Amino acid sequence: MGALTTGFMATEQLSFIDCQYASDLSHVNITLKNTGSGSLTISKILINGYLNTSKGWDVMTPNADATLTPNEVVVIKVLASGYPSAAGIVSNKFDRGANYAFTVITSKNNQFGPYTKAASP
């Protein structure tokens, strides 16, 4: 009889550790940890379900396409550059008190989040 072999399949798992807005609400620092068994690559960050190309913010350090090894922690800075406010006014700041939902998408199209936090320094 043939032997049954199984291969180990690494899983992607990402945890939101923290989310801190700048004192002037110009950006947010999102702290993420790879809690899975394999490396993962962050390819997109959505805010309230939108990509930065459609609503106007910039993913800064390290950048989208950051690869994390298991247990690695990264802080991603997202600038509110031209983000429309609740009133529809384009601003370079997050609206104080407004809730923002952050979702991370990996290169394998796995989604983590949303992680929601009100904008407050």
C-alpha atoms as a PDB file:
ATOM      1  CA  MET A   1       0.000   0.000   0.000  1.00  0.00           C
ATOM      2  CA  GLY A   2       1.094   3.529  -0.660  1.00  0.00           C
ATOM      3  CA  ALA A   3       2.012   5.828   2.172  1.00  0.00           C
ATOM      4  CA  LEU A   4      -0.094   8.864   2.840  1.00  0.00           C
ATOM      5  CA  THR A   5       1.982  11.975   3.140  1.00  0.00           C
ATOM      6  CA  THR A   6       0.801  15.378   4.116  1.00  0.00           C
ATOM      7  CA  GLY A   7       2.613  18.607   3.637  1.00  0.00           C
ATOM      8  CA  PHE A   8       2.593  21.470   6.092  1.00  0.00           C
ATOM      9  CA  MET A   9       0.640  24.386   4.724  1.00  0.00           C
ATOM     10  CA  ALA A  10       1.569  27.744   6.168  1.00  0.00           C
ATOM     11  CA  THR A  11      -1.391  29.874   7.130  1.00  0.00           C
ATOM     12  CA  GLU A  12      -1.767  33.621   6.882  1.00  0.00           C
ATOM     13  CA  GLN A  13      -2.966  35.314  10.024  1.00  0.00           C
ATOM     14  CA  LEU A  14      -2.610  38.992  10.821  1.00  0.00           C
ATOM     15  CA  SER A  15      -3.543  40.797  14.023  1.00  0.00           C
ATOM     16  CA  PHE A  16      -4.151  44.480  14.611  1.00  0.00           C
ATOM     17  CA  ILE A  17      -2.113  45.436  17.685  1.00  0.00           C
ATOM     18  CA  ASP A  18      -2.697  49.173  17.839  1.00  0.00           C
ATOM     19  CA  CYS A  19      -3.973  52.149  15.883  1.00  0.00           C
ATOM     20  CA  GLN A  20      -2.799  55.628  16.892  1.00  0.00           C
ATOM     21  CA  TYR A  21      -3.754  58.883  15.226  1.00  0.00           C
ATOM     22  CA  ALA A  22      -1.287  61.776  15.099  1.00  0.00           C
ATOM     23  CA  SER A  23      -2.037  64.715  17.393  1.00  0.00           C
ATOM     24  CA  ASP A  24      -2.979  66.827  14.350  1.00  0.00           C
ATOM     25  CA  LEU A  25      -4.927  63.910  12.757  1.00  0.00           C
ATOM     26  CA  SER A  26      -2.755  64.129   9.622  1.00  0.00           C
ATOM     27  CA  HIS A  27      -1.937  60.419   9.737  1.00  0.00           C
ATOM     28  CA  VAL A  28      -2.531  57.179  11.585  1.00  0.00           C
ATOM     29  CA  ASN A  29       0.028  54.566  12.638  1.00  0.00           C
ATOM     30  CA  ILE A  30      -1.348  51.037  12.390  1.00  0.00           C
ATOM     31  CA  THR A  31       0.611  48.337  14.226  1.00  0.00           C
ATOM     32  CA  LEU A  32       0.194  44.839  12.777  1.00  0.00           C
ATOM     33  CA  LYS A  33       1.604  41.448  13.741  1.00  0.00           C
ATOM     34  CA  ASN A  34       1.938  38.350  11.594  1.00  0.00           C
ATOM     35  CA  THR A  35       0.476  35.676  13.881  1.00  0.00           C
ATOM     36  CA  GLY A  36       0.400  32.980  11.195  1.00  0.00           C
ATOM     37  CA  SER A  37       2.813  30.170  10.501  1.00  0.00           C
ATOM     38  CA  GLY A  38       4.210  31.568   7.257  1.00  0.00           C
ATOM     39  CA  SER A  39       5.345  34.857   5.773  1.00  0.00           C
ATOM     40  CA  LEU A  40       2.748  37.198   4.332  1.00  0.00           C
ATOM     41  CA  THR A  41       2.858  40.271   2.146  1.00  0.00           C
ATOM     42  CA  ILE A  42       0.563  43.225   2.747  1.00  0.00           C
ATOM     43  CA  SER A  43      -0.616  44.413  -0.646  1.00  0.00           C
ATOM     44  CA  LYS A  44      -3.504  46.803   0.095  1.00  0.00           C
ATOM     45  CA  ILE A  45      -4.981  48.808   2.929  1.00  0.00           C
ATOM     46  CA  LEU A  46      -8.606  49.854   2.746  1.00  0.00           C
ATOM     47  CA  ILE A  47     -10.152  52.633   4.794  1.00  0.00           C
ATOM     48  CA  ASN A  48     -13.922  52.366   5.141  1.00  0.00           C
ATOM     49  CA  GLY A  49     -13.855  49.880   2.270  1.00  0.00           C
ATOM     50  CA  TYR A  50     -11.995  52.090  -0.190  1.00  0.00           C
ATOM     51  CA  LEU A  51      -8.531  51.822  -1.711  1.00  0.00           C
ATOM     52  CA  ASN A  52      -6.263  54.845  -1.454  1.00  0.00           C
ATOM     53  CA  THR A  53      -6.476  55.398  -5.207  1.00  0.00           C
ATOM     54  CA  SER A  54     -10.199  56.149  -4.970  1.00  0.00           C
ATOM     55  CA  LYS A  55     -10.336  58.236  -1.783  1.00  0.00           C
ATOM     56  CA  GLY A  56      -6.943  59.862  -1.375  1.00  0.00           C
ATOM     57  CA  TRP A  57      -4.543  58.741   1.306  1.00  0.00           C
ATOM     58  CA  ASP A  58      -0.985  57.539   1.112  1.00  0.00           C
ATOM     59  CA  VAL A  59       0.507  54.431   2.652  1.00  0.00           C
ATOM     60  CA  MET A  60       3.922  55.457   3.840  1.00  0.00           C
ATOM     61  CA  THR A  61       6.354  53.516   6.008  1.00  0.00           C
ATOM     62  CA  PRO A  62       7.297  50.864   5.309  1.00  0.00           C
ATOM     63  CA  ASN A  63       4.789  50.810   2.403  1.00  0.00           C
ATOM     64  CA  ALA A  64       2.191  48.523   0.984  1.00  0.00           C
ATOM     65  CA  ASP A  65       3.886  45.328  -0.201  1.00  0.00           C
ATOM     66  CA  ALA A  66       5.595  44.920   3.182  1.00  0.00           C
ATOM     67  CA  THR A  67       6.513  41.269   3.817  1.00  0.00           C
ATOM     68  CA  LEU A  68       6.280  40.019   7.392  1.00  0.00           C
ATOM     69  CA  THR A  69       7.789  36.799   8.706  1.00  0.00           C
ATOM     70  CA  PRO A  70       5.954  34.857  11.457  1.00  0.00           C
ATOM     71  CA  ASN A  71       5.679  36.912  14.678  1.00  0.00           C
ATOM     72  CA  GLU A  72       7.059  40.029  12.992  1.00  0.00           C
ATOM     73  CA  VAL A  73       5.491  43.355  13.945  1.00  0.00           C
ATOM     74  CA  VAL A  74       5.291  46.341  11.593  1.00  0.00           C
ATOM     75  CA  VAL A  75       3.979  49.885  11.964  1.00  0.00           C
ATOM     76  CA  ILE A  76       2.382  51.274   8.826  1.00  0.00           C
ATOM     77  CA  LYS A  77       1.888  55.021   8.550  1.00  0.00           C
ATOM     78  CA  VAL A  78      -1.120  56.135   6.525  1.00  0.00           C
ATOM     79  CA  LEU A  79      -1.329  59.821   5.579  1.00  0.00           C
ATOM     80  CA  ALA A  80      -4.725  61.476   5.162  1.00  0.00           C
ATOM     81  CA  SER A  81      -3.727  63.289   1.987  1.00  0.00           C
ATOM     82  CA  GLY A  82      -6.848  64.594   0.340  1.00  0.00           C
ATOM     83  CA  TYR A  83      -9.264  62.347   2.250  1.00  0.00           C
ATOM     84  CA  PRO A  84     -12.885  63.564   1.963  1.00  0.00           C
ATOM     85  CA  SER A  85     -14.435  64.466   5.319  1.00  0.00           C
ATOM     86  CA  ALA A  86     -17.894  63.388   6.464  1.00  0.00           C
ATOM     87  CA  ALA A  87     -19.188  66.680   5.075  1.00  0.00           C
ATOM     88  CA  GLY A  88     -17.625  65.911   1.685  1.00  0.00           C
ATOM     89  CA  ILE A  89     -14.871  68.494   2.078  1.00  0.00           C
ATOM     90  CA  VAL A  90     -11.466  67.298   0.975  1.00  0.00           C
ATOM     91  CA  SER A  91      -9.003  67.574   3.830  1.00  0.00           C
ATOM     92  CA  ASN A  92      -5.506  66.465   4.731  1.00  0.00           C
ATOM     93  CA  LYS A  93      -6.731  65.267   8.119  1.00  0.00           C
ATOM     94  CA  PHE A  94      -8.933  62.545   9.499  1.00  0.00           C
ATOM     95  CA  ASP A  95     -12.199  63.897  10.991  1.00  0.00           C
ATOM     96  CA  ARG A  96     -11.978  64.136  14.782  1.00  0.00           C
ATOM     97  CA  GLY A  97     -14.413  61.653  16.334  1.00  0.00           C
ATOM     98  CA  ALA A  98     -15.287  59.921  13.051  1.00  0.00           C
ATOM     99  CA  ASN A  99     -14.933  56.138  12.916  1.00  0.00           C
ATOM    100  CA  TYR A 100     -12.521  54.704  10.376  1.00  0.00           C
ATOM    101  CA  ALA A 101     -12.442  51.011   9.518  1.00  0.00           C
ATOM    102  CA  PHE A 102      -9.052  49.660   8.406  1.00  0.00           C
ATOM    103  CA  THR A 103      -8.814  46.436   6.395  1.00  0.00           C
ATOM    104  CA  VAL A 104      -5.566  44.823   5.268  1.00  0.00           C
ATOM    105  CA  ILE A 105      -5.429  42.620   2.169  1.00  0.00           C
ATOM    106  CA  THR A 106      -2.501  40.294   1.558  1.00  0.00           C
ATOM    107  CA  SER A 107      -0.959  39.270  -1.745  1.00  0.00           C
ATOM    108  CA  LYS A 108      -2.983  36.039  -1.471  1.00  0.00           C
ATOM    109  CA  ASN A 109      -6.177  38.136  -1.264  1.00  0.00           C
ATOM    110  CA  ASN A 110      -6.847  37.260   2.369  1.00  0.00           C
ATOM    111  CA  GLN A 111      -8.588  40.091   4.220  1.00  0.00           C
ATOM    112  CA  PHE A 112      -7.980  40.984   7.846  1.00  0.00           C
ATOM    113  CA  GLY A 113     -10.192  43.432   9.656  1.00  0.00           C
ATOM    114  CA  PRO A 114     -11.909  45.721   9.615  1.00  0.00           C
ATOM    115  CA  TYR A 115     -10.360  47.246  12.694  1.00  0.00           C
ATOM    116  CA  THR A 116     -12.419  50.303  13.591  1.00  0.00           C
ATOM    117  CA  LYS A 117     -11.244  53.231  15.671  1.00  0.00           C
ATOM    118  CA  ALA A 118     -12.506  56.776  16.042  1.00  0.00           C
ATOM    119  CA  ALA A 119     -10.087  59.507  15.010  1.00  0.00           C
ATOM    120  CA  SER A 120      -8.746  60.993  18.194  1.00  0.00           C
ATOM    121  CA  PRO A 121      -5.198  62.036  19.101  1.00  0.00           C
END
